[in-house]
Amino acid sequence: MATIDIHNLSGAKVGTFDLADEIFGAVNEDLLWEAVKHYRAGQHRGTHATKARWQVSGSGKKLWKQKGTGRARIGSIRSPLWRHGGTVHGPVPRSYDYAFPRKKLLGALRSALAAKFADGKLTIVNAFELKDAKTKAFREALDALKVESTVLIVESPNAANRNLELSSRNIKGLELVPGNEVHPYHLLRYDRVIFSHPAIEKLQITLKDSLPKRHRQAAKEDEGAKKASAAPRKRTRHEKAAEVA
C-alpha cells in the first residue's frame, strides 16, 4: 500500500495517508477519454438554429402564374431555392448529453487519481484553515505548497469554508470544487490537485465501496496475506521441545 505525505498550509509535513492500491493503481486511458468526452458533450449548449421555410419573413403569394411565362414555376418567395429563403434540414436546438454508466464514471475517477499520483501532482493538506478571507495569504500558502501553474482545490462537501471560497475566487487558474462533485475532467484539466485530508479520505471510501465485488474480495485477501506475512510465526510444540533439549 502506497503512502503520501500530508502537509499544512505552510508546506511542512504533518503526517502520512495510506492510499488504497485498488484506487491508486492502474490507469485506464480509454476510460478517461470516454469520461472526458461525455463531460464536454454535456457542456455543449446546443443553441444552434436556422429558420425553416415557415419561419422566414415574406409573403406566401404565388409570384407569377404556373404556365405560359417561360420561367420556372415558383410558389413562394420563401422557397429554399431562393436567396433569403428557408433552410432545408438545418440544425435545431438540442442537447448533446447522453447516458454514461456510473460504474464507468467512477472507474475513470480512479484512473484520474492514479495518474495524478503517478505524476507527482497530487497534494494533501490537513485542512484549509484560513483566519481571514485574504487572497494574498492564500496565494502565499499555494507558493509554500510549490504550486506554479493551474491548480484544483478539493474540499470536503460538508465543510462550510467561506474564507476559502472568498480567498480563492480571484486567483487565476484555480478552481474550487467539493469532494462529491469532482470529475475526471477536473483532475486532468489542471496541473496540480490539492485535496483536504477529510475530502480525500471520504472519496477513497466511496470509490472502494463502488468497486466490483470480486475486486473488493481480492483486495481483502491481499491485505490479509500481507498482515499474515508481517506477523511473527508461532512456534509449534515440537520446535519448543527441541529448543529445551
Protein backbone atom coordinates (compact mmCIF):
# COMPACT_ATOMS: atom_id res chain seq x y z
CA MET A 1 0.00 0.00 0.00
CA ALA A 2 1.44 3.35 -1.06
CA THR A 3 1.52 6.37 1.23
CA ILE A 4 1.52 10.11 0.60
CA ASP A 5 2.62 12.95 2.85
CA ILE A 6 0.12 15.31 4.47
CA HIS A 7 1.19 18.97 4.62
CA ASN A 8 -0.15 22.05 6.29
CA LEU A 9 -0.65 25.38 4.54
CA SER A 10 2.92 26.37 5.46
CA GLY A 11 4.28 23.46 3.43
CA ALA A 12 5.50 21.44 6.43
CA LYS A 13 4.86 17.70 6.67
CA VAL A 14 2.42 16.83 9.45
CA GLY A 15 1.61 13.17 8.70
CA THR A 16 1.01 10.48 6.09
CA PHE A 17 -2.04 8.99 4.40
CA ASP A 18 -2.39 5.41 3.15
CA LEU A 19 -3.53 5.11 -0.46
CA ALA A 20 -5.51 2.02 -1.43
CA ASP A 21 -3.86 0.00 -4.20
CA GLU A 22 -7.21 -0.70 -5.83
CA ILE A 23 -7.83 3.06 -6.17
CA PHE A 24 -4.36 4.41 -6.96
CA GLY A 25 -3.26 1.53 -9.17
CA ALA A 26 -3.54 1.08 -12.93
CA VAL A 27 -4.58 3.88 -15.30
CA ASN A 28 -7.21 3.13 -17.95
CA GLU A 29 -6.59 5.76 -20.64
CA ASP A 30 -9.50 4.63 -22.82
CA LEU A 31 -11.92 5.06 -19.93
CA LEU A 32 -10.53 8.52 -19.20
CA TRP A 33 -11.09 9.52 -22.82
CA GLU A 34 -14.71 8.36 -22.66
CA ALA A 35 -15.36 10.25 -19.41
CA VAL A 36 -13.87 13.50 -20.75
CA LYS A 37 -15.84 13.18 -23.99
CA HIS A 38 -19.08 12.69 -22.05
CA TYR A 39 -18.39 15.68 -19.80
CA ARG A 40 -17.62 18.00 -22.70
CA ALA A 41 -20.71 16.82 -24.58
CA GLY A 42 -22.81 17.79 -21.59
CA GLN A 43 -21.25 21.26 -21.58
CA HIS A 44 -22.23 21.83 -25.23
CA ARG A 45 -25.08 24.33 -25.21
CA GLY A 46 -26.66 23.18 -28.46
CA THR A 47 -28.41 26.53 -29.12
CA HIS A 48 -27.68 26.50 -32.87
CA ALA A 49 -30.72 27.05 -35.09
CA THR A 50 -31.73 28.01 -38.62
CA LYS A 51 -35.07 29.21 -39.98
CA ALA A 52 -37.20 26.79 -41.94
CA ARG A 53 -39.47 27.83 -44.78
CA TRP A 54 -42.41 28.54 -42.49
CA GLN A 55 -40.27 30.75 -40.22
CA VAL A 56 -38.78 33.05 -42.88
CA SER A 57 -40.29 36.51 -43.26
CA GLY A 58 -42.05 37.08 -46.61
CA SER A 59 -45.31 36.76 -48.49
CA GLY A 60 -46.72 33.39 -49.46
CA LYS A 61 -48.33 34.71 -52.62
CA LYS A 62 -47.50 32.94 -55.87
CA LEU A 63 -45.15 35.28 -57.77
CA TRP A 64 -46.44 34.52 -61.30
CA LYS A 65 -48.76 32.12 -62.95
CA GLN A 66 -47.85 28.48 -63.32
CA LYS A 67 -47.66 28.31 -67.12
CA GLY A 68 -47.06 30.49 -70.12
CA THR A 69 -44.28 32.75 -68.84
CA GLY A 70 -41.32 30.62 -69.90
CA ARG A 71 -39.87 30.84 -66.40
CA ALA A 72 -39.50 28.13 -63.78
CA ARG A 73 -42.58 27.58 -61.69
CA ILE A 74 -42.39 29.06 -58.20
CA GLY A 75 -44.87 29.08 -55.37
CA SER A 76 -43.36 31.41 -52.73
CA ILE A 77 -40.54 33.87 -52.19
CA ARG A 78 -39.64 31.89 -49.07
CA SER A 79 -38.63 28.86 -51.13
CA PRO A 80 -35.30 27.22 -50.06
CA LEU A 81 -34.16 27.54 -53.69
CA TRP A 82 -34.12 31.31 -53.45
CA ARG A 83 -31.74 33.67 -51.66
CA HIS A 84 -33.02 34.64 -48.20
CA GLY A 85 -35.33 31.64 -48.32
CA GLY A 86 -35.71 28.96 -45.72
CA THR A 87 -33.12 26.30 -44.84
CA VAL A 88 -33.80 22.63 -45.50
CA HIS A 89 -32.89 20.16 -42.73
CA GLY A 90 -30.86 22.79 -40.86
CA PRO A 91 -29.61 22.43 -37.29
CA VAL A 92 -32.13 22.82 -34.48
CA PRO A 93 -31.58 23.37 -30.73
CA ARG A 94 -30.86 20.07 -28.99
CA SER A 95 -28.97 18.56 -26.08
CA TYR A 96 -25.69 16.77 -26.75
CA ASP A 97 -25.78 14.98 -23.41
CA TYR A 98 -26.08 11.21 -23.34
CA ALA A 99 -26.24 8.46 -20.75
CA PHE A 100 -22.95 7.37 -19.21
CA PRO A 101 -22.81 4.41 -16.78
CA ARG A 102 -22.00 5.38 -13.21
CA LYS A 103 -19.57 2.47 -12.83
CA LYS A 104 -17.56 3.71 -15.80
CA LEU A 105 -17.51 7.24 -14.39
CA LEU A 106 -16.21 6.04 -11.03
CA GLY A 107 -13.65 3.85 -12.80
CA ALA A 108 -12.45 6.88 -14.75
CA LEU A 109 -12.21 8.84 -11.49
CA ARG A 110 -9.98 6.12 -10.02
CA SER A 111 -7.78 6.22 -13.11
CA ALA A 112 -7.51 10.02 -12.98
CA LEU A 113 -6.45 9.92 -9.32
CA ALA A 114 -3.92 7.20 -10.07
CA ALA A 115 -2.49 9.25 -12.96
CA LYS A 116 -2.09 12.35 -10.79
CA PHE A 117 -0.38 10.36 -8.05
CA ALA A 118 1.95 8.66 -10.53
CA ASP A 119 2.94 12.06 -11.96
CA GLY A 120 3.61 13.51 -8.51
CA LYS A 121 0.90 16.14 -8.98
CA LEU A 122 -1.28 15.11 -6.03
CA THR A 123 -1.02 17.01 -2.74
CA ILE A 124 -2.90 16.56 0.52
CA VAL A 125 -3.24 19.21 3.24
CA ASN A 126 -4.56 18.56 6.70
CA ALA A 127 -7.14 21.38 6.47
CA PHE A 128 -7.77 24.65 4.68
CA GLU A 129 -7.84 26.69 7.87
CA LEU A 130 -7.80 30.38 6.92
CA LYS A 131 -8.20 33.03 9.59
CA ASP A 132 -9.29 35.73 7.15
CA ALA A 133 -10.64 35.88 3.60
CA LYS A 134 -7.42 37.27 2.13
CA THR A 135 -6.33 36.34 -1.39
CA LYS A 136 -2.74 37.35 -0.69
CA ALA A 137 -2.47 35.00 2.29
CA PHE A 138 -3.88 32.08 0.33
CA ARG A 139 -1.53 32.82 -2.58
CA GLU A 140 1.38 32.60 -0.14
CA ALA A 141 0.06 29.23 1.05
CA LEU A 142 -0.02 27.97 -2.54
CA ASP A 143 3.55 29.18 -3.04
CA ALA A 144 4.58 27.24 0.08
CA LEU A 145 2.99 24.14 -1.45
CA LYS A 146 5.01 24.79 -4.64
CA VAL A 147 2.03 25.48 -6.88
CA GLU A 148 3.45 27.07 -10.02
CA SER A 149 0.67 26.52 -12.57
CA THR A 150 -3.04 25.78 -12.60
CA VAL A 151 -4.46 24.03 -9.56
CA LEU A 152 -7.67 22.29 -8.50
CA ILE A 153 -8.71 22.63 -4.84
CA VAL A 154 -10.98 19.87 -3.48
CA GLU A 155 -12.63 20.49 -0.13
CA SER A 156 -14.91 18.27 1.92
CA PRO A 157 -18.55 18.68 0.78
CA ASN A 158 -19.87 19.31 4.30
CA ALA A 159 -17.22 21.90 5.17
CA ALA A 160 -18.72 25.39 5.03
CA ASN A 161 -15.40 27.15 4.44
CA ARG A 162 -16.44 30.65 3.44
CA ASN A 163 -12.93 32.07 3.88
CA LEU A 164 -11.56 29.53 1.39
CA GLU A 165 -14.22 30.45 -1.19
CA LEU A 166 -13.53 34.18 -0.91
CA SER A 167 -9.75 33.78 -0.82
CA SER A 168 -9.51 31.55 -3.88
CA ARG A 169 -12.08 33.01 -6.26
CA ASN A 170 -9.81 35.80 -7.58
CA ILE A 171 -6.77 33.59 -8.29
CA LYS A 172 -6.31 32.90 -11.99
CA GLY A 173 -6.03 29.22 -12.98
CA LEU A 174 -7.64 27.96 -9.75
CA GLU A 175 -10.94 26.13 -9.32
CA LEU A 176 -12.58 25.07 -6.07
CA VAL A 177 -14.94 22.07 -6.11
CA PRO A 178 -16.50 19.97 -3.31
CA GLY A 179 -15.38 16.38 -2.98
CA ASN A 180 -18.72 14.95 -4.12
CA GLU A 181 -18.62 16.92 -7.40
CA VAL A 182 -15.06 16.24 -8.55
CA HIS A 183 -14.92 14.80 -12.07
CA PRO A 184 -12.10 13.12 -14.04
CA TYR A 185 -12.22 16.10 -16.40
CA HIS A 186 -11.32 18.42 -13.48
CA LEU A 187 -8.38 16.26 -12.44
CA LEU A 188 -6.97 16.10 -15.97
CA ARG A 189 -7.57 19.76 -16.81
CA TYR A 190 -5.42 21.22 -14.03
CA ASP A 191 -1.71 20.69 -13.48
CA ARG A 192 -1.90 20.21 -9.69
CA VAL A 193 -4.62 18.82 -7.44
CA ILE A 194 -4.79 19.66 -3.73
CA PHE A 195 -7.16 17.66 -1.51
CA SER A 196 -8.01 18.33 2.08
CA HIS A 197 -7.48 15.28 4.28
CA PRO A 198 -11.22 14.74 5.01
CA ALA A 199 -12.06 15.12 1.31
CA ILE A 200 -9.57 12.50 0.03
CA GLU A 201 -10.47 10.16 2.89
CA LYS A 202 -14.19 10.33 2.10
CA LEU A 203 -13.57 9.99 -1.65
CA GLN A 204 -11.35 6.93 -1.19
CA ILE A 205 -14.02 5.20 0.92
CA THR A 206 -16.67 5.96 -1.72
CA LEU A 207 -14.51 4.65 -4.55
CA LYS A 208 -13.64 1.49 -2.62
CA ASP A 209 -17.32 0.78 -1.99
CA SER A 210 -18.04 1.24 -5.71
CA LEU A 211 -15.58 -1.47 -6.77
CA PRO A 212 -16.96 -4.73 -8.18
CA LYS A 213 -17.48 -7.43 -5.58
CA ARG A 214 -14.68 -9.64 -6.91
CA HIS A 215 -12.19 -6.75 -6.75
CA ARG A 216 -13.14 -5.92 -3.17
CA GLN A 217 -12.77 -9.59 -2.20
CA ALA A 218 -9.35 -9.77 -3.86
CA ALA A 219 -8.25 -6.61 -2.05
CA LYS A 220 -9.30 -8.06 1.31
CA GLU A 221 -7.43 -11.29 0.60
CA ASP A 222 -4.27 -9.39 -0.35
CA GLU A 223 -4.50 -7.29 2.79
CA GLY A 224 -4.98 -10.39 4.93
CA ALA A 225 -1.99 -12.09 3.28
CA LYS A 226 0.21 -9.05 3.95
CA LYS A 227 -0.81 -8.98 7.62
CA ALA A 228 -0.17 -12.71 7.95
CA SER A 229 3.29 -12.43 6.42
CA ALA A 230 4.16 -9.49 8.65
CA ALA A 231 3.04 -11.24 11.88
CA PRO A 232 5.64 -13.49 13.61
CA ARG A 233 5.06 -17.21 13.06
CA LYS A 234 4.02 -19.17 16.15
CA ARG A 235 6.38 -21.98 17.13
CA THR A 236 4.98 -25.49 17.23
CA ARG A 237 5.17 -27.79 20.27
CA HIS A 238 7.90 -29.90 18.69
CA GLU A 239 10.04 -26.80 17.99
CA LYS A 240 9.72 -25.67 21.61
CA ALA A 241 10.68 -29.18 22.85
CA ALA A 242 13.72 -29.22 20.55
CA GLU A 243 14.89 -25.86 21.92
CA VAL A 244 14.60 -27.10 25.53
CA ALA A 245 16.52 -30.25 24.69
